[in-house]
Amino acid sequence: MMRLDRRLALAALVAAGVAASAPSVRAQATNPKPAKPAASAPTVPDRFRLVLNAAFWPTKTSFSDSRTLTEYAEQTTIHTSYEAGTGFGPDVAVQASLFRGFGLLVGYSHSSRDVTGNVDVSRPHPLYLNRPRSASAEISGYSLSEGAVHLDLAYARAAGHLDWALFAGATLFQVDVDLLAKPTYTDVYPYDELVIASTPSTTVKESPTGFNVGGRLDYRFGGSRRFGAGVQVMYSKATVKATANSDATEATFDAGGLSLAGGLRLYF
């Protein structure tokens, strides 16, 4: 009888232990361990931006100069008007982001324009006083080229595949412009008619400093978004004062102007 009582007591203790542990097992089953958060996608490398554009300058530029010199004991006057057409050329830049989208941009652009115009001459008669002769001629084959170094502060932001930037700063221009040198004439006795035989040019170089302001809108390609394409609008300006020779007045005009550009981008 005593052995039977011991077995019953042992069975009761085992049953009590199993009952006590059951809620803990159920709690573990109903409260699984939280899943680890998914690793975030890698950010797009955009510390630097390389901009490769083909640029177009749609506005034309007009300017003029005059000169007075003594011939046949009287005054010869020469007035020349010039018109530089639209321009086309490359535009490249490197932009570096330094802090929260703010950074620096260094760029270079170059434009070439054809220059046409007219020259009007009043020249004394070689045989008679107070009987000036007049002649006019068109000029062609002249050119105006502008190289520009842009040193800017820039701000850039990216939103998905879109990337935009604003920039402004100083521009250092190198301007080469063809101006009328000294016309040659065809004078035939009795010298009553004046004919302009040629209008040779002289190239004048000037280096004015101005400013620029602009913006870009780009689209990044692919999953890595390292490559893209976009458009750019920029306005730059510097005043140029060029003199053909000591007898001529200054030909004053603005370098730069509005430019529209588009091309490829590289982000790294």
Foldseek 3Di string as FASTA:
>chain_A
DVVVVVVVVVVVVVVVVVVVCVVVVVVCVVDDDDDDDDDDDDDFFFQKKKDKKKKKAQDKWKWKKKFWDDDLNDIKIKIKIKIWGIWIWIKIKMWGQDPQQKTKMKIKIKIKTWMKIKMKMWAAQNPDPPQTEIDMDIDGPWMKMKMKIAIWIKGKDDDVQKIKMWIKDKIKMKMKTKDFADWDWDADPVRNHIGTDDTDIDIWIDIFMWMKIWMKMWGFDDDSSQKIKTKMKMFIWTWDWTDNDPRMGTIIIIPGGIMIIIDMMGGD
